Amino acid sequence: MNTVLLYLVIFKSPAAIKTYSILIANFAISDLLAAVSSFFVEPRIIPIHNSVIQINYGMCYKTGYIYSCYLGYIISLHLFLHSEFSLLYSFYFRLNILENQKTTHKPSRIILSLCIIYVPSLIFLILLSFGDISYQIDVFESFMKLFPNETGISVEMVTGNMDSKPVAIGMSLFVIAPIFIYTAILLIRNKIIKLLDKSTDHLRKETKSLHRRLLKILTYQAILPMFTVIAVFLFLIEKLLMFYHPLIEYSSTLCLEIIPAISPIVYFWYISPYRRAILKFFGIKKISGIGEENSTENSKAFVIIR
């Protein structure tokens, strides 16, 4: 779905959101790579104090390179973190347009901004990359001591970090960052709503509707990372309460993977050119109540996003 979204961004984005489509493409690429890396690893995560045992069910353990499973996992985590920072920037981008009464920004400026907000995620990736990969046999033995009745797990499937401070610091960043991100998003969102509620002469009715619908898309997107909060909560249950169950160990990763799976649907549904292209592909002209568009010149911006 993220590949389809990327195609639609490149070939079907209307002029009214051509600049904003760069942000959509950023989400599509980030979510696509996160989904691929997660699928490559398919990890089951078991935290024990400062240690993390990782059971890998994906193709990574068949590569014969022990580091590939761990690397695939931290790459997926840092991409999920980048998506959250990108969401924060998307809200700021919408606020900046309203405050400065601009209709667009230079693409180069947006790309530069995305590179800057990638830095925290890159730091997270570097921190975890410096974590020591313990010997497989040591990690496997620790796992079997903890779960002596576990079957079907081979040494090749097990990786982990035993008492690694860089990993502990990196995971703390992953746990704490969403708190600050969501606080900032709520503050910016409230400010955007107040600006749109004001009698702003520089905005036409259709343009204000466009802004409101873009804000609606961002709001729905902001709900999705709540799955990150659930994943972190499940991780902390294991780490702090020492309560272990396979359902929790699988779910902490599965919750994260839901985000890139659902995120494209928001754009498919609310951006009319994208929606029409998908409906056309399946031979559907319209859905009742969706897709009816006023053809007058003044309503073109209004119907792009609805």
Protein backbone atom coordinates (compact mmCIF):
# COMPACT_ATOMS: atom_id res chain seq x y z
CA MET A 1 0.00 0.00 0.00
CA ASN A 2 2.88 2.35 0.68
CA THR A 3 4.29 1.58 -2.77
CA VAL A 4 0.90 2.47 -4.28
CA LEU A 5 0.81 5.67 -2.21
CA LEU A 6 4.28 6.63 -3.46
CA TYR A 7 3.13 6.08 -7.05
CA LEU A 8 0.05 8.26 -6.50
CA VAL A 9 2.15 11.01 -4.91
CA ILE A 10 4.45 11.12 -7.92
CA PHE A 11 1.88 10.86 -10.71
CA LYS A 12 -1.51 11.88 -9.27
CA SER A 13 -0.84 14.74 -6.84
CA PRO A 14 -2.83 17.88 -7.77
CA ALA A 15 -1.09 21.25 -7.98
CA ALA A 16 -2.84 22.49 -4.82
CA ILE A 17 -0.94 19.98 -2.66
CA LYS A 18 2.16 19.49 -4.83
CA THR A 19 4.47 20.85 -2.13
CA TYR A 20 2.70 19.05 0.70
CA SER A 21 2.97 15.81 -1.29
CA ILE A 22 6.70 15.79 -0.43
CA LEU A 23 5.69 15.15 3.17
CA ILE A 24 3.32 12.39 2.07
CA ALA A 25 6.15 10.80 0.07
CA ASN A 26 8.36 10.97 3.15
CA PHE A 27 5.75 9.01 5.14
CA ALA A 28 5.32 6.49 2.32
CA ILE A 29 9.07 5.81 1.99
CA SER A 30 9.64 5.64 5.74
CA ASP A 31 6.69 3.31 6.33
CA LEU A 32 7.60 1.13 3.35
CA LEU A 33 11.17 0.59 4.59
CA ALA A 34 9.94 0.02 8.16
CA ALA A 35 7.48 -2.64 6.97
CA VAL A 36 10.11 -4.39 4.82
CA SER A 37 12.71 -4.45 7.62
CA SER A 38 10.12 -5.73 10.13
CA PHE A 39 9.06 -8.46 7.70
CA PHE A 40 12.73 -9.37 7.17
CA VAL A 41 13.26 -9.89 10.91
CA GLU A 42 9.83 -10.82 12.41
CA PRO A 43 11.20 -10.42 15.94
CA ARG A 44 9.93 -11.60 19.28
CA ILE A 45 11.39 -9.28 21.93
CA ILE A 46 12.12 -10.32 25.53
CA PRO A 47 13.64 -7.59 27.74
CA ILE A 48 15.46 -8.62 30.93
CA HIS A 49 16.81 -5.67 32.94
CA ASN A 50 19.42 -4.04 30.65
CA SER A 51 19.48 -7.08 28.38
CA VAL A 52 17.29 -7.81 25.36
CA ILE A 53 16.79 -11.28 23.91
CA GLN A 54 15.56 -11.27 20.33
CA ILE A 55 14.01 -14.36 18.72
CA ASN A 56 13.89 -13.91 14.94
CA TYR A 57 11.39 -15.79 12.77
CA GLY A 58 12.05 -13.89 9.52
CA MET A 59 14.49 -14.51 6.69
CA CYS A 60 17.31 -12.64 8.46
CA TYR A 61 18.59 -15.62 10.47
CA LYS A 62 18.93 -17.64 7.26
CA THR A 63 21.48 -15.18 5.86
CA GLY A 64 24.16 -16.71 8.09
CA TYR A 65 25.17 -13.26 9.34
CA ILE A 66 24.29 -12.80 13.02
CA TYR A 67 24.24 -8.99 12.83
CA SER A 68 21.61 -8.87 10.06
CA CYS A 69 18.67 -9.69 12.40
CA TYR A 70 19.68 -7.13 15.01
CA LEU A 71 20.42 -4.49 12.36
CA GLY A 72 17.09 -5.09 10.63
CA TYR A 73 15.26 -4.65 13.93
CA ILE A 74 16.91 -1.35 14.95
CA ILE A 75 16.46 0.01 11.41
CA SER A 76 12.72 -0.62 11.66
CA LEU A 77 12.57 1.03 15.11
CA HIS A 78 14.42 4.14 13.97
CA LEU A 79 12.09 4.47 10.97
CA PHE A 80 9.04 4.31 13.24
CA LEU A 81 10.64 7.07 15.34
CA HIS A 82 11.31 9.13 12.21
CA SER A 83 7.64 8.86 11.22
CA GLU A 84 6.65 10.36 14.57
CA PHE A 85 9.03 13.30 14.16
CA SER A 86 7.79 13.71 10.56
CA LEU A 87 4.22 13.91 11.85
CA LEU A 88 5.25 16.66 14.25
CA TYR A 89 6.89 18.57 11.41
CA SER A 90 3.76 18.15 9.25
CA PHE A 91 1.68 19.91 11.90
CA TYR A 92 4.31 22.65 12.20
CA PHE A 93 4.36 22.99 8.40
CA ARG A 94 0.59 23.56 8.31
CA LEU A 95 0.82 26.11 11.17
CA ASN A 96 3.65 27.95 9.46
CA ILE A 97 1.63 28.37 6.26
CA LEU A 98 -1.32 29.80 8.18
CA GLU A 99 0.76 32.15 10.32
CA ASN A 100 2.83 33.50 7.45
CA GLN A 101 -0.07 33.61 5.01
CA LYS A 102 1.82 31.53 2.48
CA THR A 103 0.25 29.10 0.05
CA THR A 104 3.40 27.06 -0.50
CA HIS A 105 7.04 26.51 0.47
CA LYS A 106 10.11 25.78 -1.59
CA PRO A 107 10.56 22.01 -2.05
CA SER A 108 14.26 22.34 -1.20
CA ARG A 109 13.38 23.89 2.15
CA ILE A 110 11.00 21.04 3.01
CA ILE A 111 13.55 18.40 2.05
CA LEU A 112 16.20 20.15 4.17
CA SER A 113 13.78 20.27 7.11
CA LEU A 114 13.08 16.54 6.76
CA CYS A 115 16.82 15.85 6.81
CA ILE A 116 17.15 17.89 10.02
CA ILE A 117 14.30 16.11 11.82
CA TYR A 118 15.87 12.79 10.78
CA VAL A 119 18.85 13.54 13.05
CA PRO A 120 17.22 12.32 16.34
CA SER A 121 16.26 9.03 14.66
CA LEU A 122 19.79 8.73 13.28
CA ILE A 123 21.23 9.25 16.78
CA PHE A 124 18.91 6.50 18.03
CA LEU A 125 20.15 4.18 15.25
CA ILE A 126 23.81 4.94 16.04
CA LEU A 127 23.32 4.37 19.77
CA LEU A 128 21.80 0.96 19.22
CA SER A 129 24.35 0.08 16.55
CA PHE A 130 27.11 0.41 19.16
CA GLY A 131 25.42 -2.13 21.37
CA ASP A 132 27.45 -5.30 21.71
CA ILE A 133 25.96 -8.33 20.04
CA SER A 134 26.50 -11.09 22.56
CA TYR A 135 27.60 -14.56 21.54
CA GLN A 136 24.63 -16.49 20.19
CA ILE A 137 25.27 -19.47 22.43
CA ASP A 138 25.29 -17.22 25.55
CA VAL A 139 22.02 -15.57 24.57
CA PHE A 140 20.48 -18.92 23.69
CA GLU A 141 21.49 -20.39 27.05
CA SER A 142 20.03 -17.38 28.87
CA PHE A 143 16.80 -17.83 26.93
CA MET A 144 16.57 -21.54 27.75
CA LYS A 145 17.17 -20.85 31.45
CA LEU A 146 14.31 -18.37 31.42
CA PHE A 147 12.02 -20.59 29.32
CA PRO A 148 13.14 -24.22 29.85
CA ASN A 149 9.97 -25.62 28.31
CA GLU A 150 10.23 -23.60 25.08
CA THR A 151 10.55 -25.73 21.94
CA GLY A 152 11.20 -25.03 18.27
CA ILE A 153 13.87 -22.38 18.90
CA SER A 154 17.30 -22.97 17.38
CA VAL A 155 20.55 -21.17 18.19
CA GLU A 156 20.54 -19.47 14.77
CA MET A 157 17.24 -17.73 15.54
CA VAL A 158 18.50 -16.05 18.72
CA THR A 159 20.36 -12.74 19.02
CA GLY A 160 20.54 -10.16 21.77
CA ASN A 161 22.43 -7.71 23.94
CA MET A 162 23.46 -8.69 27.44
CA ASP A 163 23.85 -5.67 29.78
CA SER A 164 24.49 -3.13 27.01
CA LYS A 165 24.34 0.52 28.14
CA PRO A 166 24.06 2.01 24.60
CA VAL A 167 21.03 -0.19 23.95
CA ALA A 168 19.45 0.83 27.27
CA ILE A 169 19.98 4.53 26.44
CA GLY A 170 18.65 4.10 22.91
CA MET A 171 15.51 2.27 24.04
CA SER A 172 14.93 4.95 26.69
CA LEU A 173 14.97 7.54 23.89
CA PHE A 174 12.43 5.47 21.94
CA VAL A 175 10.16 5.28 25.01
CA ILE A 176 10.44 8.95 26.06
CA ALA A 177 10.38 10.70 22.65
CA PRO A 178 6.66 10.05 21.86
CA ILE A 179 5.64 11.85 25.07
CA PHE A 180 7.26 15.10 23.96
CA ILE A 181 6.18 14.63 20.34
CA TYR A 182 2.51 14.18 21.23
CA THR A 183 2.56 17.12 23.65
CA ALA A 184 3.95 19.36 20.90
CA ILE A 185 1.44 18.01 18.35
CA LEU A 186 -1.52 18.78 20.63
CA LEU A 187 -0.27 22.34 21.24
CA ILE A 188 0.30 22.99 17.52
CA ARG A 189 -3.03 21.42 16.55
CA ASN A 190 -4.95 23.64 18.98
CA LYS A 191 -3.17 26.68 17.60
CA ILE A 192 -4.08 25.70 14.01
CA ILE A 193 -7.74 25.29 14.98
CA LYS A 194 -7.77 28.73 16.62
CA LEU A 195 -6.24 30.29 13.50
CA LEU A 196 -8.81 28.63 11.24
CA ASP A 197 -11.67 29.74 13.50
CA LYS A 198 -10.60 33.36 13.24
CA SER A 199 -12.04 35.64 10.57
CA THR A 200 -8.96 35.63 8.35
CA ASP A 201 -9.55 37.82 5.30
CA HIS A 202 -6.50 36.50 3.47
CA LEU A 203 -8.04 33.00 3.22
CA ARG A 204 -10.93 32.18 0.93
CA LYS A 205 -13.65 29.84 2.17
CA GLU A 206 -12.41 27.07 -0.13
CA THR A 207 -8.82 27.50 1.07
CA LYS A 208 -9.87 27.31 4.71
CA SER A 209 -11.77 24.11 3.90
CA LEU A 210 -8.62 22.73 2.31
CA HIS A 211 -6.62 23.51 5.46
CA ARG A 212 -9.27 21.92 7.67
CA ARG A 213 -9.23 18.72 5.65
CA LEU A 214 -5.44 18.57 5.68
CA LEU A 215 -5.64 19.00 9.44
CA LYS A 216 -8.17 16.14 9.58
CA ILE A 217 -5.74 13.88 7.71
CA LEU A 218 -2.94 14.79 10.11
CA THR A 219 -5.22 14.21 13.10
CA TYR A 220 -6.12 10.72 11.93
CA GLN A 221 -2.44 10.05 11.33
CA ALA A 222 -1.67 11.29 14.84
CA ILE A 223 -3.98 8.59 16.22
CA LEU A 224 -1.99 5.79 14.57
CA PRO A 225 1.21 6.23 16.61
CA MET A 226 -0.89 5.43 19.67
CA PHE A 227 -0.02 1.87 18.70
CA THR A 228 3.57 2.86 19.55
CA VAL A 229 2.40 3.76 23.04
CA ILE A 230 0.76 0.32 23.36
CA ALA A 231 3.96 -1.36 22.14
CA VAL A 232 6.05 0.57 24.67
CA PHE A 233 3.55 -0.28 27.43
CA LEU A 234 3.80 -3.99 26.63
CA PHE A 235 7.60 -3.73 26.54
CA LEU A 236 7.65 -2.07 29.99
CA ILE A 237 5.34 -4.76 31.44
CA GLU A 238 8.00 -7.32 30.60
CA LYS A 239 10.95 -5.16 31.54
CA LEU A 240 9.70 -3.73 34.85
CA LEU A 241 7.26 -6.38 36.08
CA MET A 242 9.20 -9.36 34.71
CA PHE A 243 5.92 -10.77 33.39
CA TYR A 244 6.50 -12.86 30.27
CA HIS A 245 4.05 -14.33 27.81
CA PRO A 246 4.48 -15.09 24.07
CA LEU A 247 1.40 -12.96 23.25
CA ILE A 248 3.02 -9.89 24.83
CA GLU A 249 6.40 -10.62 23.25
CA TYR A 250 4.89 -10.81 19.76
CA SER A 251 2.42 -7.95 20.25
CA SER A 252 5.02 -5.34 21.20
CA THR A 253 6.36 -5.59 17.65
CA LEU A 254 3.03 -6.27 15.93
CA CYS A 255 1.56 -3.03 17.31
CA LEU A 256 4.31 -1.07 15.58
CA GLU A 257 3.74 -2.88 12.28
CA ILE A 258 0.06 -1.87 12.24
CA ILE A 259 1.07 1.78 11.69
CA PRO A 260 2.63 1.49 8.17
CA ALA A 261 -0.19 -0.89 7.19
CA ILE A 262 -2.99 1.57 7.98
CA SER A 263 -1.37 4.96 7.34
CA PRO A 264 -1.74 4.92 3.51
CA ILE A 265 -5.49 4.27 3.81
CA VAL A 266 -5.98 7.75 5.33
CA TYR A 267 -4.57 9.35 2.17
CA PHE A 268 -6.42 6.96 -0.14
CA TRP A 269 -9.73 7.92 1.45
CA TYR A 270 -9.39 11.67 1.95
CA ILE A 271 -7.42 12.87 -1.10
CA SER A 272 -9.81 12.76 -4.04
CA PRO A 273 -7.31 12.27 -6.94
CA TYR A 274 -5.74 9.34 -5.07
CA ARG A 275 -9.15 7.88 -4.25
CA ARG A 276 -10.40 8.23 -7.83
CA ALA A 277 -7.28 6.53 -9.21
CA ILE A 278 -7.75 3.54 -6.89
CA LEU A 279 -11.49 3.27 -7.59
CA LYS A 280 -10.79 3.48 -11.33
CA PHE A 281 -8.23 0.68 -11.04
CA PHE A 282 -10.92 -1.57 -9.50
CA GLY A 283 -13.50 -0.43 -12.05
CA ILE A 284 -15.59 1.52 -9.50
CA LYS A 285 -16.85 4.94 -10.60
CA LYS A 286 -17.84 6.20 -7.16
CA ILE A 287 -18.99 5.20 -3.71
CA SER A 288 -22.31 6.57 -2.53
CA GLY A 289 -21.67 9.89 -0.78
CA ILE A 290 -18.02 9.85 -1.82
CA GLY A 291 -16.58 11.27 -5.00
CA GLU A 292 -19.35 13.64 -6.03
CA GLU A 293 -17.60 16.85 -6.95
CA ASN A 294 -18.81 20.32 -7.84
CA SER A 295 -17.37 21.35 -11.19
CA THR A 296 -17.33 25.12 -10.62
CA GLU A 297 -13.96 26.86 -10.70
CA ASN A 298 -14.17 28.19 -7.13
CA SER A 299 -14.74 24.72 -5.65
CA LYS A 300 -11.67 23.01 -7.14
CA ALA A 301 -9.55 23.44 -4.01
CA PHE A 302 -12.53 22.36 -1.89
CA VAL A 303 -12.92 18.98 -3.61
CA ILE A 304 -9.25 17.98 -3.75
CA ILE A 305 -9.46 16.81 -0.16
CA ARG A 306 -12.79 15.82 1.35
